[in-house]
């Protein structure tokens, strides 16, 4: 009877280990991937706003007309000259553009980048929390299986 009970306990242990491994791989790691991708896309938006800010500052310093190439589509470009670059259209989100003067645009960009930076900090905290949850579940698996702790030199980051 004790051999049968021991085999049943091992089967239950194997089932629990499998459930935890599935939870780590299908839930926690996919959540971590989504948060990191979202953070990367927000960093890309910040980069675009900072590029716009640099362009506006260069426009303010320039005294002559703005000359540029405009893409008509399919990589066909035409040369264009902007006589009055004092007012520009800025993408504010959700496909909407707002006409602003250069000073308004710079103030908007500063506010928007600070807002986006705060959002990336929150996403970084979320990713750290998910990594900690992965580590905690992995420690639980180690204890369930009766494995000894890995030495510090053999450990590596989850992502």
Foldseek 3Di string as FASTA:
>chain_A
DVVVVVVVVVVVLVVVLVVLVCCCVPPLVVVLVVLVVVLVVLVVVLVVLVVVLVVLVVVVVDDAWDWDWDQPPPRDTDIDTHGDQQWDWDDPDPPDTDIDGSVVSNVSSVVVSVVSVVVSVVSVVVSVVSQVVSVVSVVVNCVSVVHDDDDPVPDDGPD
